[in-house]
Structure formats: C-alpha cells, structure tokens
Amino acid sequence: MIVAFFRELLGSGTLLGINILNYEPVQGVGYINNGLMLMPPMALILVACIIWYQRARHKGLQEEK
C-alpha cells in the first residue's frame, strides 16, 4: 500500500482519482507529473528504498559480517 500510494501520488498527482498535486499553487512550486513513477520497475526501486530505510533505522535488521 505504501508503494502504491507514492507511485500514484508522484506519478499522476492523484489519489483514488482525486487531483491532489495538479493544482496551480502546487505546480507553481515546480511539481511536474513523473511518468517514470507509473512504470513497473519503479515499484522495485521504491521497495528497495523502504528496505534500505528500515535497515538503516533498525540496526538489529542488519546481517552480521
């Protein structure tokens, strides 16, 4: 659910069909829809970032050398 949330929000600027980031004040800051977020490989990159974050925060999850 976390991956789907970020892919839809940053990819098309909507959540459940409701425009969130496609308004003038947000686009005036410099937001542009990112088509790469909608592609399937981006899901793997987001999952890798979540795993990286979890392992960095919780040292017990890191493997022993």
PDB file of N, CA and C in Angstrom:
ATOM      1  N   MET A   1       0.817  -1.188   0.000  1.00  0.00           N
ATOM      2  CA  MET A   1       0.000   0.000   0.000  1.00  0.00           C
ATOM      3  C   MET A   1       0.864   1.257   0.000  1.00  0.00           C
ATOM      4  N   ILE A   2       1.986   1.214   0.687  1.00  0.00           N
ATOM      5  CA  ILE A   2       2.872   2.374   0.724  1.00  0.00           C
ATOM      6  C   ILE A   2       3.415   2.653  -0.673  1.00  0.00           C
ATOM      7  N   VAL A   3       3.828   1.602  -1.351  1.00  0.00           N
ATOM      8  CA  VAL A   3       4.388   1.757  -2.701  1.00  0.00           C
ATOM      9  C   VAL A   3       3.325   2.294  -3.650  1.00  0.00           C
ATOM     10  N   ALA A   4       2.133   1.746  -3.599  1.00  0.00           N
ATOM     11  CA  ALA A   4       1.053   2.199  -4.481  1.00  0.00           C
ATOM     12  C   ALA A   4       0.693   3.655  -4.200  1.00  0.00           C
ATOM     13  N   PHE A   5       0.687   4.046  -2.932  1.00  0.00           N
ATOM     14  CA  PHE A   5       0.376   5.424  -2.555  1.00  0.00           C
ATOM     15  C   PHE A   5       1.354   6.400  -3.201  1.00  0.00           C
ATOM     16  N   PHE A   6       2.648   6.148  -3.040  1.00  0.00           N
ATOM     17  CA  PHE A   6       3.653   7.056  -3.578  1.00  0.00           C
ATOM     18  C   PHE A   6       3.720   7.012  -5.106  1.00  0.00           C
ATOM     19  N   ARG A   7       3.506   5.837  -5.687  1.00  0.00           N
ATOM     20  CA  ARG A   7       3.540   5.753  -7.150  1.00  0.00           C
ATOM     21  C   ARG A   7       2.415   6.575  -7.765  1.00  0.00           C
ATOM     22  N   GLU A   8       1.216   6.453  -7.211  1.00  0.00           N
ATOM     23  CA  GLU A   8       0.091   7.195  -7.787  1.00  0.00           C
ATOM     24  C   GLU A   8       0.203   8.686  -7.492  1.00  0.00           C
ATOM     25  N   LEU A   9       0.590   9.039  -6.282  1.00  0.00           N
ATOM     26  CA  LEU A   9       0.672  10.451  -5.922  1.00  0.00           C
ATOM     27  C   LEU A   9       1.741  11.184  -6.729  1.00  0.00           C
ATOM     28  N   LEU A  10       2.946  10.630  -6.798  1.00  0.00           N
ATOM     29  CA  LEU A  10       4.025  11.303  -7.505  1.00  0.00           C
ATOM     30  C   LEU A  10       3.992  11.067  -9.009  1.00  0.00           C
ATOM     31  N   GLY A  11       3.343   9.992  -9.449  1.00  0.00           N
ATOM     32  CA  GLY A  11       3.282   9.701 -10.872  1.00  0.00           C
ATOM     33  C   GLY A  11       2.253  10.521 -11.612  1.00  0.00           C
ATOM     34  N   SER A  12       1.017  10.508 -11.127  1.00  0.00           N
ATOM     35  CA  SER A  12      -0.042  11.229 -11.838  1.00  0.00           C
ATOM     36  C   SER A  12      -0.603  12.401 -11.044  1.00  0.00           C
ATOM     37  N   GLY A  13      -0.215  12.536  -9.778  1.00  0.00           N
ATOM     38  CA  GLY A  13      -0.688  13.652  -8.963  1.00  0.00           C
ATOM     39  C   GLY A  13      -2.077  13.457  -8.406  1.00  0.00           C
ATOM     40  N   THR A  14      -2.580  12.223  -8.417  1.00  0.00           N
ATOM     41  CA  THR A  14      -3.922  11.949  -7.903  1.00  0.00           C
ATOM     42  C   THR A  14      -3.881  10.847  -6.858  1.00  0.00           C
ATOM     43  N   LEU A  15      -4.913  10.781  -6.062  1.00  0.00           N
ATOM     44  CA  LEU A  15      -5.141   9.676  -5.137  1.00  0.00           C
ATOM     45  C   LEU A  15      -6.599   9.263  -5.255  1.00  0.00           C
ATOM     46  N   LEU A  16      -6.829   8.029  -5.634  1.00  0.00           N
ATOM     47  CA  LEU A  16      -8.178   7.499  -5.826  1.00  0.00           C
ATOM     48  C   LEU A  16      -8.999   8.372  -6.791  1.00  0.00           C
ATOM     49  N   GLY A  17      -8.324   8.919  -7.806  1.00  0.00           N
ATOM     50  CA  GLY A  17      -8.996   9.716  -8.814  1.00  0.00           C
ATOM     51  C   GLY A  17      -9.212  11.171  -8.438  1.00  0.00           C
ATOM     52  N   ILE A  18      -8.791  11.576  -7.242  1.00  0.00           N
ATOM     53  CA  ILE A  18      -8.948  12.957  -6.792  1.00  0.00           C
ATOM     54  C   ILE A  18      -7.637  13.696  -7.041  1.00  0.00           C
ATOM     55  N   ASN A  19      -7.693  14.820  -7.740  1.00  0.00           N
ATOM     56  CA  ASN A  19      -6.485  15.598  -8.008  1.00  0.00           C
ATOM     57  C   ASN A  19      -5.931  16.168  -6.711  1.00  0.00           C
ATOM     58  N   ILE A  20      -4.687  15.837  -6.431  1.00  0.00           N
ATOM     59  CA  ILE A  20      -4.019  16.342  -5.236  1.00  0.00           C
ATOM     60  C   ILE A  20      -2.924  17.336  -5.630  1.00  0.00           C
ATOM     61  N   LEU A  21      -2.086  16.959  -6.573  1.00  0.00           N
ATOM     62  CA  LEU A  21      -0.945  17.773  -6.959  1.00  0.00           C
ATOM     63  C   LEU A  21      -1.108  18.467  -8.302  1.00  0.00           C
ATOM     64  N   ASN A  22      -2.285  18.428  -8.888  1.00  0.00           N
ATOM     65  CA  ASN A  22      -2.487  19.039 -10.207  1.00  0.00           C
ATOM     66  C   ASN A  22      -3.159  20.398 -10.122  1.00  0.00           C
ATOM     67  N   TYR A  23      -2.932  21.128  -9.046  1.00  0.00           N
ATOM     68  CA  TYR A  23      -3.487  22.470  -8.893  1.00  0.00           C
ATOM     69  C   TYR A  23      -2.395  23.508  -9.119  1.00  0.00           C
ATOM     70  N   GLU A  24      -2.800  24.730  -9.487  1.00  0.00           N
ATOM     71  CA  GLU A  24      -1.835  25.782  -9.810  1.00  0.00           C
ATOM     72  C   GLU A  24      -0.857  26.098  -8.685  1.00  0.00           C
ATOM     73  N   PRO A  25      -1.287  26.202  -7.407  1.00  0.00           N
ATOM     74  CA  PRO A  25      -0.300  26.525  -6.366  1.00  0.00           C
ATOM     75  C   PRO A  25       0.802  25.471  -6.250  1.00  0.00           C
ATOM     76  N   VAL A  26       0.456  24.208  -6.421  1.00  0.00           N
ATOM     77  CA  VAL A  26       1.450  23.133  -6.315  1.00  0.00           C
ATOM     78  C   VAL A  26       2.354  23.129  -7.536  1.00  0.00           C
ATOM     79  N   GLN A  27       1.780  23.321  -8.706  1.00  0.00           N
ATOM     80  CA  GLN A  27       2.580  23.338  -9.923  1.00  0.00           C
ATOM     81  C   GLN A  27       3.434  24.601 -10.006  1.00  0.00           C
ATOM     82  N   GLY A  28       3.015  25.677  -9.336  1.00  0.00           N
ATOM     83  CA  GLY A  28       3.806  26.893  -9.302  1.00  0.00           C
ATOM     84  C   GLY A  28       5.100  26.714  -8.529  1.00  0.00           C
ATOM     85  N   VAL A  29       5.115  25.758  -7.605  1.00  0.00           N
ATOM     86  CA  VAL A  29       6.316  25.457  -6.833  1.00  0.00           C
ATOM     87  C   VAL A  29       7.311  24.686  -7.685  1.00  0.00           C
ATOM     88  N   GLY A  30       6.828  24.010  -8.710  1.00  0.00           N
ATOM     89  CA  GLY A  30       7.726  23.299  -9.612  1.00  0.00           C
ATOM     90  C   GLY A  30       7.395  21.831  -9.788  1.00  0.00           C
ATOM     91  N   TYR A  31       6.246  21.369  -9.281  1.00  0.00           N
ATOM     92  CA  TYR A  31       5.880  19.964  -9.441  1.00  0.00           C
ATOM     93  C   TYR A  31       5.441  19.685 -10.878  1.00  0.00           C
ATOM     94  N   ILE A  32       5.973  18.619 -11.443  1.00  0.00           N
ATOM     95  CA  ILE A  32       5.574  18.135 -12.764  1.00  0.00           C
ATOM     96  C   ILE A  32       5.297  16.640 -12.615  1.00  0.00           C
ATOM     97  N   ASN A  33       4.212  16.150 -13.224  1.00  0.00           N
ATOM     98  CA  ASN A  33       3.907  14.718 -13.163  1.00  0.00           C
ATOM     99  C   ASN A  33       5.107  13.907 -13.650  1.00  0.00           C
ATOM    100  N   ASN A  34       5.400  12.817 -12.951  1.00  0.00           N
ATOM    101  CA  ASN A  34       6.565  11.996 -13.260  1.00  0.00           C
ATOM    102  C   ASN A  34       6.093  10.652 -13.806  1.00  0.00           C
ATOM    103  N   GLY A  35       6.172  10.478 -15.124  1.00  0.00           N
ATOM    104  CA  GLY A  35       5.719   9.239 -15.756  1.00  0.00           C
ATOM    105  C   GLY A  35       6.532   8.027 -15.357  1.00  0.00           C
ATOM    106  N   LEU A  36       7.780   8.229 -14.940  1.00  0.00           N
ATOM    107  CA  LEU A  36       8.620   7.112 -14.508  1.00  0.00           C
ATOM    108  C   LEU A  36       8.030   6.418 -13.288  1.00  0.00           C
ATOM    109  N   MET A  37       7.366   7.165 -12.419  1.00  0.00           N
ATOM    110  CA  MET A  37       6.774   6.576 -11.215  1.00  0.00           C
ATOM    111  C   MET A  37       5.659   5.591 -11.557  1.00  0.00           C
ATOM    112  N   LEU A  38       5.044   5.736 -12.706  1.00  0.00           N
ATOM    113  CA  LEU A  38       3.943   4.860 -13.091  1.00  0.00           C
ATOM    114  C   LEU A  38       4.413   3.564 -13.739  1.00  0.00           C
ATOM    115  N   MET A  39       5.682   3.477 -14.085  1.00  0.00           N
ATOM    116  CA  MET A  39       6.219   2.289 -14.746  1.00  0.00           C
ATOM    117  C   MET A  39       6.494   1.194 -13.701  1.00  0.00           C
ATOM    118  N   PRO A  40       6.335  -0.091 -14.065  1.00  0.00           N
ATOM    119  CA  PRO A  40       6.528  -1.193 -13.129  1.00  0.00           C
ATOM    120  C   PRO A  40       7.906  -1.245 -12.450  1.00  0.00           C
ATOM    121  N   PRO A  41       9.018  -0.939 -13.115  1.00  0.00           N
ATOM    122  CA  PRO A  41      10.309  -1.009 -12.420  1.00  0.00           C
ATOM    123  C   PRO A  41      10.421  -0.043 -11.239  1.00  0.00           C
ATOM    124  N   MET A  42       9.654   1.028 -11.248  1.00  0.00           N
ATOM    125  CA  MET A  42       9.725   1.984 -10.142  1.00  0.00           C
ATOM    126  C   MET A  42       9.222   1.368  -8.848  1.00  0.00           C
ATOM    127  N   ALA A  43       8.317   0.387  -8.926  1.00  0.00           N
ATOM    128  CA  ALA A  43       7.849  -0.289  -7.722  1.00  0.00           C
ATOM    129  C   ALA A  43       9.008  -1.008  -7.042  1.00  0.00           C
ATOM    130  N   LEU A  44       9.866  -1.635  -7.825  1.00  0.00           N
ATOM    131  CA  LEU A  44      11.023  -2.316  -7.237  1.00  0.00           C
ATOM    132  C   LEU A  44      11.986  -1.327  -6.602  1.00  0.00           C
ATOM    133  N   ILE A  45      12.164  -0.178  -7.227  1.00  0.00           N
ATOM    134  CA  ILE A  45      13.054   0.836  -6.666  1.00  0.00           C
ATOM    135  C   ILE A  45      12.486   1.365  -5.352  1.00  0.00           C
ATOM    136  N   LEU A  46      11.176   1.587  -5.284  1.00  0.00           N
ATOM    137  CA  LEU A  46      10.560   2.053  -4.045  1.00  0.00           C
ATOM    138  C   LEU A  46      10.649   1.017  -2.936  1.00  0.00           C
ATOM    139  N   VAL A  47      10.436  -0.249  -3.269  1.00  0.00           N
ATOM    140  CA  VAL A  47      10.573  -1.316  -2.266  1.00  0.00           C
ATOM    141  C   VAL A  47      12.010  -1.367  -1.748  1.00  0.00           C
ATOM    142  N   ALA A  48      12.978  -1.217  -2.638  1.00  0.00           N
ATOM    143  CA  ALA A  48      14.379  -1.204  -2.217  1.00  0.00           C
ATOM    144  C   ALA A  48      14.660  -0.026  -1.287  1.00  0.00           C
ATOM    145  N   CYS A  49      14.074   1.125  -1.562  1.00  0.00           N
ATOM    146  CA  CYS A  49      14.265   2.290  -0.689  1.00  0.00           C
ATOM    147  C   CYS A  49      13.638   2.074   0.690  1.00  0.00           C
ATOM    148  N   ILE A  50      12.485   1.426   0.726  1.00  0.00           N
ATOM    149  CA  ILE A  50      11.841   1.128   2.004  1.00  0.00           C
ATOM    150  C   ILE A  50      12.694   0.155   2.814  1.00  0.00           C
ATOM    151  N   ILE A  51      13.220  -0.881   2.174  1.00  0.00           N
ATOM    152  CA  ILE A  51      14.090  -1.842   2.862  1.00  0.00           C
ATOM    153  C   ILE A  51      15.351  -1.152   3.357  1.00  0.00           C
ATOM    154  N   TRP A  52      15.940  -0.311   2.527  1.00  0.00           N
ATOM    155  CA  TRP A  52      17.146   0.423   2.916  1.00  0.00           C
ATOM    156  C   TRP A  52      16.872   1.300   4.137  1.00  0.00           C
ATOM    157  N   TYR A  53      15.740   2.004   4.139  1.00  0.00           N
ATOM    158  CA  TYR A  53      15.381   2.861   5.260  1.00  0.00           C
ATOM    159  C   TYR A  53      15.195   2.043   6.544  1.00  0.00           C
ATOM    160  N   GLN A  54      14.483   0.919   6.440  1.00  0.00           N
ATOM    161  CA  GLN A  54      14.250   0.083   7.615  1.00  0.00           C
ATOM    162  C   GLN A  54      15.550  -0.456   8.193  1.00  0.00           C
ATOM    163  N   ARG A  55      16.437  -0.890   7.349  1.00  0.00           N
ATOM    164  CA  ARG A  55      17.712  -1.444   7.813  1.00  0.00           C
ATOM    165  C   ARG A  55      18.618  -0.357   8.382  1.00  0.00           C
ATOM    166  N   ALA A  56      18.517   0.854   7.882  1.00  0.00           N
ATOM    167  CA  ALA A  56      19.326   1.950   8.409  1.00  0.00           C
ATOM    168  C   ALA A  56      18.816   2.396   9.783  1.00  0.00           C
ATOM    169  N   ARG A  57      17.498   2.385   9.966  1.00  0.00           N
ATOM    170  CA  ARG A  57      16.914   2.813  11.240  1.00  0.00           C
ATOM    171  C   ARG A  57      17.067   1.773  12.339  1.00  0.00           C
ATOM    172  N   HIS A  58      16.906   0.499  11.988  1.00  0.00           N
ATOM    173  CA  HIS A  58      16.916  -0.583  12.974  1.00  0.00           C
ATOM    174  C   HIS A  58      18.158  -1.439  12.761  1.00  0.00           C
ATOM    175  N   LYS A  59      19.161  -1.199  13.552  1.00  0.00           N
ATOM    176  CA  LYS A  59      20.448  -1.871  13.381  1.00  0.00           C
ATOM    177  C   LYS A  59      20.330  -3.388  13.588  1.00  0.00           C
ATOM    178  N   GLY A  60      19.323  -3.859  14.298  1.00  0.00           N
ATOM    179  CA  GLY A  60      19.122  -5.287  14.518  1.00  0.00           C
ATOM    180  C   GLY A  60      18.744  -6.043  13.241  1.00  0.00           C
ATOM    181  N   LEU A  61      18.306  -5.345  12.221  1.00  0.00           N
ATOM    182  CA  LEU A  61      17.920  -5.979  10.966  1.00  0.00           C
ATOM    183  C   LEU A  61      19.122  -6.218  10.048  1.00  0.00           C
ATOM    184  N   GLN A  62      20.246  -5.625  10.383  1.00  0.00           N
ATOM    185  CA  GLN A  62      21.436  -5.780   9.539  1.00  0.00           C
ATOM    186  C   GLN A  62      22.082  -7.129   9.798  1.00  0.00           C
ATOM    187  N   GLU A  63      22.632  -7.691   8.743  1.00  0.00           N
ATOM    188  CA  GLU A  63      23.288  -9.001   8.830  1.00  0.00           C
ATOM    189  C   GLU A  63      24.660  -8.860   9.460  1.00  0.00           C
ATOM    190  N   GLU A  64      25.062  -9.904  10.160  1.00  0.00           N
ATOM    191  CA  GLU A  64      26.411  -9.938  10.739  1.00  0.00           C
ATOM    192  C   GLU A  64      27.427 -10.222   9.655  1.00  0.00           C
ATOM    193  N   LYS A  65      28.613  -9.657   9.765  1.00  0.00           N
ATOM    194  CA  LYS A  65      29.653  -9.887   8.763  1.00  0.00           C
ATOM    195  C   LYS A  65      30.489 -11.066   9.115  1.00  0.00           C
TER     196      LYS A  65
END
